[in-house]
Protein backbone atom coordinates (compact mmCIF):
# COMPACT_ATOMS: atom_id res chain seq x y z
CA MET A 1 1.95 7.15 -7.55
CA THR A 2 -1.17 9.33 -7.46
CA ARG A 3 -3.69 8.93 -4.70
CA SER A 4 -2.99 5.25 -4.41
CA LEU A 5 -5.90 4.23 -2.19
CA ALA A 6 -8.72 2.93 -4.36
CA ALA A 7 -11.83 1.75 -2.48
CA THR A 8 -14.66 0.70 -4.79
CA ALA A 9 -17.82 -1.22 -4.00
CA LEU A 10 -19.52 -3.69 -6.32
CA THR A 11 -22.76 -5.42 -5.30
CA ALA A 12 -23.35 -8.93 -6.62
CA THR A 13 -26.00 -11.58 -5.96
CA LEU A 14 -25.32 -15.27 -5.44
CA LEU A 15 -28.17 -17.78 -5.61
CA CYS A 16 -27.03 -19.97 -2.78
CA GLY A 17 -28.90 -20.95 0.37
CA LEU A 18 -25.83 -21.61 2.52
CA THR A 19 -24.98 -19.10 5.24
CA LEU A 20 -21.91 -18.34 7.28
CA PRO A 21 -21.96 -18.41 11.06
CA ALA A 22 -22.32 -15.10 12.83
CA LEU A 23 -19.12 -13.26 13.63
CA ALA A 24 -18.50 -11.40 16.87
CA ASP A 25 -18.27 -7.63 17.15
CA SER A 26 -14.46 -7.38 17.20
CA ILE A 27 -13.52 -8.43 13.66
CA GLN A 28 -9.77 -8.15 13.10
CA ARG A 29 -8.09 -7.75 9.71
CA ILE A 30 -4.98 -9.94 9.77
CA VAL A 31 -2.35 -9.55 7.04
CA HIS A 32 0.09 -12.45 7.15
CA PRO A 33 3.77 -12.17 6.14
CA ASP A 34 3.05 -13.92 2.85
CA GLY A 35 0.53 -11.23 1.95
CA THR A 36 -2.62 -13.28 2.51
CA VAL A 37 -5.45 -11.52 4.32
CA GLU A 38 -7.65 -13.06 6.99
CA PHE A 39 -10.64 -11.58 8.81
CA THR A 40 -11.39 -13.21 12.12
CA ASN A 41 -12.88 -12.63 15.56
CA ARG A 42 -10.35 -14.96 17.19
CA ARG A 43 -7.81 -13.45 19.55
CA GLN A 44 -4.41 -13.09 17.93
CA PRO A 45 -0.92 -13.22 19.43
CA ASP A 46 0.93 -9.97 20.00
CA ALA A 47 3.53 -10.79 17.35
CA PRO A 48 3.74 -8.10 14.65
CA LEU A 49 2.08 -8.74 11.31
CA ALA A 50 3.37 -7.78 7.89
CA SER A 51 1.58 -5.24 5.75
CA SER A 52 0.40 -5.98 2.24
CA ALA A 53 -0.25 -3.82 -0.80
CA ASP A 54 -3.37 -5.58 -2.00
CA ALA A 55 -6.47 -7.02 -0.42
CA THR A 56 -9.89 -8.05 -1.65
CA VAL A 57 -12.44 -7.70 1.11
CA TYR A 58 -16.00 -9.03 1.04
CA ARG A 59 -18.56 -7.18 3.17
CA TYR A 60 -21.87 -8.93 3.85
CA ARG A 61 -24.67 -9.40 6.38
CA ASP A 62 -24.76 -12.77 8.03
CA GLU A 63 -27.93 -14.74 8.85
CA ASN A 64 -28.35 -12.68 12.04
CA GLY A 65 -28.10 -9.37 10.22
CA VAL A 66 -24.58 -8.61 11.50
CA VAL A 67 -22.29 -6.75 9.07
CA SER A 68 -19.22 -8.95 8.64
CA TYR A 69 -16.03 -8.96 6.58
CA SER A 70 -14.10 -11.79 5.00
CA GLY A 71 -11.06 -12.35 2.79
CA LEU A 72 -12.99 -15.22 1.18
CA GLN A 73 -16.04 -14.82 -1.03
CA PRO A 74 -19.02 -15.43 1.27
CA ARG A 75 -21.69 -17.91 0.32
CA THR A 76 -24.56 -15.58 1.18
CA ALA A 77 -27.26 -13.88 -0.84
CA THR A 78 -25.64 -10.43 -1.17
CA PHE A 79 -22.15 -9.06 -0.63
CA ASP A 80 -19.98 -6.05 -1.52
CA VAL A 81 -16.49 -6.33 -2.97
CA ILE A 82 -14.03 -3.73 -1.69
CA ARG A 83 -10.54 -3.51 -3.14
CA PHE A 84 -7.62 -1.70 -1.51
CA GLN A 85 -4.30 -0.75 -3.04
CA CYS A 86 -1.36 0.94 -1.35
CA TYR A 87 -2.04 -0.57 2.04
CA ALA A 88 -0.02 2.17 3.74
CA CYS A 89 -2.62 4.67 2.48
CA ASP A 90 -5.57 3.15 4.32
CA PRO A 91 -6.36 5.63 7.12
CA ASP A 92 -8.13 2.91 9.06
CA SER A 93 -5.33 0.36 8.83
CA PRO A 94 -5.01 -1.63 12.08
CA ILE A 95 -1.33 -2.34 11.39
CA ASP A 96 1.14 -1.05 13.97
CA TRP A 97 3.70 0.51 11.63
CA HIS A 98 6.23 0.65 14.45
CA LYS A 99 6.15 -3.15 14.66
CA THR A 100 5.10 -4.57 11.30
CA PRO A 101 7.91 -6.76 9.91
CA LEU A 102 10.33 -5.09 7.53
CA PHE A 103 11.57 -6.31 4.15
CA VAL A 104 15.30 -5.90 4.80
CA THR A 105 16.71 -8.44 2.36
CA PRO A 106 14.77 -8.20 -0.94
CA TYR A 107 16.36 -6.16 -3.76
CA LYS A 108 19.31 -4.99 -1.67
CA ASP A 109 21.62 -4.49 -4.65
CA GLU A 110 18.98 -2.79 -6.79
CA VAL A 111 18.00 -0.37 -4.02
CA ARG A 112 21.62 0.40 -3.16
CA ALA A 113 22.56 1.04 -6.81
CA ALA A 114 19.60 3.31 -7.55
CA ALA A 115 19.97 5.19 -4.27
CA ARG A 116 23.64 5.83 -5.02
CA THR A 117 22.96 6.94 -8.60
CA TYR A 118 20.28 9.46 -7.65
CA GLN A 119 21.65 10.29 -4.18
CA VAL A 120 18.54 9.27 -2.29
CA ASP A 121 18.55 7.72 1.18
CA PRO A 122 18.24 3.94 0.64
CA ALA A 123 16.12 3.68 3.80
CA LEU A 124 13.63 6.09 2.23
CA VAL A 125 13.60 4.04 -0.99
CA ARG A 126 12.89 0.87 0.94
CA ALA A 127 10.17 2.63 2.95
CA VAL A 128 8.43 3.83 -0.22
CA ILE A 129 8.59 0.37 -1.80
CA HIS A 130 7.13 -1.11 1.39
CA ALA A 131 4.33 1.46 1.45
CA GLU A 132 3.56 1.26 -2.26
CA SER A 133 3.64 -2.45 -3.02
CA GLY A 134 4.63 -4.41 0.05
CA PHE A 135 7.67 -5.52 -2.02
CA ASN A 136 5.46 -7.27 -4.55
CA PRO A 137 7.16 -6.78 -7.98
CA GLU A 138 3.98 -7.84 -9.79
CA ALA A 139 1.63 -5.42 -8.02
CA VAL A 140 -0.75 -3.65 -10.41
CA SER A 141 -3.38 -1.20 -9.21
CA PRO A 142 -6.80 -0.71 -10.87
CA ARG A 143 -5.55 2.69 -12.05
CA GLY A 144 -2.62 1.07 -13.83
CA ALA A 145 0.29 1.74 -11.44
CA GLU A 146 2.78 -1.11 -11.74
CA GLY A 147 5.54 -2.85 -9.88
CA LEU A 148 7.48 -2.32 -6.70
CA MET A 149 7.28 1.48 -6.72
CA GLN A 150 3.88 1.62 -8.44
CA LEU A 151 4.80 3.63 -11.54
CA MET A 152 2.00 4.91 -13.74
CA PRO A 153 2.59 4.08 -17.44
CA ASP A 154 3.06 7.70 -18.56
CA THR A 155 5.44 8.40 -15.69
CA ALA A 156 7.36 5.20 -16.39
CA ARG A 157 7.85 6.22 -20.03
CA GLU A 158 9.08 9.67 -18.99
CA LEU A 159 11.56 8.00 -16.66
CA GLY A 160 12.81 5.65 -19.38
CA VAL A 161 11.32 2.55 -17.81
CA ALA A 162 10.47 0.05 -20.55
CA ASN A 163 9.09 -2.65 -18.25
CA ALA A 164 7.72 -1.46 -14.92
CA LEU A 165 7.25 -5.05 -13.77
CA GLU A 166 10.98 -5.70 -13.99
CA ALA A 167 12.30 -5.05 -10.49
CA ALA A 168 15.59 -3.30 -11.27
CA GLU A 169 14.00 -1.04 -13.89
CA ASN A 170 11.10 -0.18 -11.64
CA ILE A 171 13.33 0.69 -8.69
CA ARG A 172 15.63 2.78 -10.86
CA GLY A 173 12.70 4.71 -12.32
CA GLY A 174 10.93 5.12 -8.99
CA VAL A 175 14.06 6.37 -7.25
CA ARG A 176 14.73 8.78 -10.09
CA TYR A 177 11.22 10.18 -9.69
CA LEU A 178 11.61 10.35 -5.91
CA ALA A 179 14.85 12.28 -6.42
CA GLN A 180 12.99 14.72 -8.68
CA MET A 181 10.38 15.28 -5.98
CA LEU A 182 13.07 15.82 -3.34
CA LYS A 183 14.76 18.39 -5.56
CA ARG A 184 11.47 20.12 -6.35
CA PHE A 185 10.60 20.45 -2.66
CA ASP A 186 14.07 21.41 -1.43
CA GLY A 187 14.86 18.09 0.18
CA ASP A 188 11.74 18.05 2.35
CA VAL A 189 11.06 14.32 2.70
CA ARG A 190 7.48 14.79 3.87
CA LEU A 191 6.58 16.93 0.88
CA ALA A 192 8.47 14.69 -1.54
CA THR A 193 6.68 11.59 -0.33
CA ALA A 194 3.35 13.42 -0.37
CA ALA A 195 4.09 14.34 -3.99
CA TYR A 196 5.01 10.75 -4.77
CA ASN A 197 1.59 9.70 -3.51
CA ALA A 198 -0.74 12.54 -4.48
CA GLY A 199 1.24 14.28 -7.22
CA PRO A 200 3.44 17.39 -7.01
CA GLY A 201 0.62 19.63 -8.21
CA ALA A 202 -1.46 18.81 -5.15
CA VAL A 203 1.45 19.56 -2.81
CA THR A 204 2.06 22.90 -4.52
CA ARG A 205 -1.63 23.77 -4.55
CA TYR A 206 -2.07 23.10 -0.83
CA LYS A 207 1.39 24.44 0.07
CA GLY A 208 2.10 21.30 2.06
CA VAL A 209 0.86 17.76 2.53
CA PRO A 210 -2.58 17.67 0.85
CA PRO A 211 -5.59 17.24 3.16
CA TYR A 212 -6.32 13.78 1.81
CA ALA A 213 -6.66 11.25 4.61
CA GLU A 214 -4.88 8.58 2.62
CA THR A 215 -1.96 10.84 1.68
CA GLN A 216 -1.52 12.04 5.24
CA ALA A 217 -1.53 8.44 6.45
CA TYR A 218 0.94 7.49 3.72
CA VAL A 219 3.39 10.27 4.57
CA LYS A 220 3.30 9.45 8.28
CA ARG A 221 3.82 5.73 7.69
CA VAL A 222 6.61 6.21 5.17
CA GLY A 223 8.34 8.32 7.80
CA ILE A 224 8.00 5.57 10.39
CA LEU A 225 9.23 2.94 7.96
CA ARG A 226 12.17 5.09 6.86
CA ASP A 227 13.35 5.49 10.45
CA ARG A 228 13.03 1.76 11.03
CA TYR A 229 14.86 0.79 7.84
CA ALA A 230 17.60 3.31 8.64
CA ALA A 231 18.15 1.61 12.00
CA LYS A 232 18.76 -1.79 10.35
């Protein structure tokens, strides 16, 4: 809900003499359709890859002093742990949002019902869910945002959501909040989605999409996803 991108670094030390082989310069971050993350220097096919809401990334120096990244905990002396939430907020995401696979089938009835109740474009709802959680109903961010539409506990209570990890409740509450943002910003989808991500106060204060790199990336990608879901 708020600025969803959280990138924190934690340095830990492992007493292990094993080392990983050196990786080449062009490390690619691969997010598979099941949500698993792989970092590799191998050439990949041109087929689109699905986005994911969560990733744990390990940054380390290999035995040759090369800075490398892995989705698996490296067996080296020192590494950093970097956690990302709201994958659509990562300004440096390598995902092609015009091609990444869509989640057309999951929660069709729940999205349709909530969109009808609050008169919100169902394609926009699906785009926000995709951007917020990658359609993972159990997604929980370090800041406490929960479920498909990443509702913060206080916001969930205000929206009458008793269990934010229950898909139908979460979607209903998230769509209700999205409808409130659309009303507040006179139907402007860009401003409403910026408010969904960074908070309405930030949008009002900056009189537009806030100058946060992650929010600007989020708004752009939600727009792309909305157009693609609308075409399905």
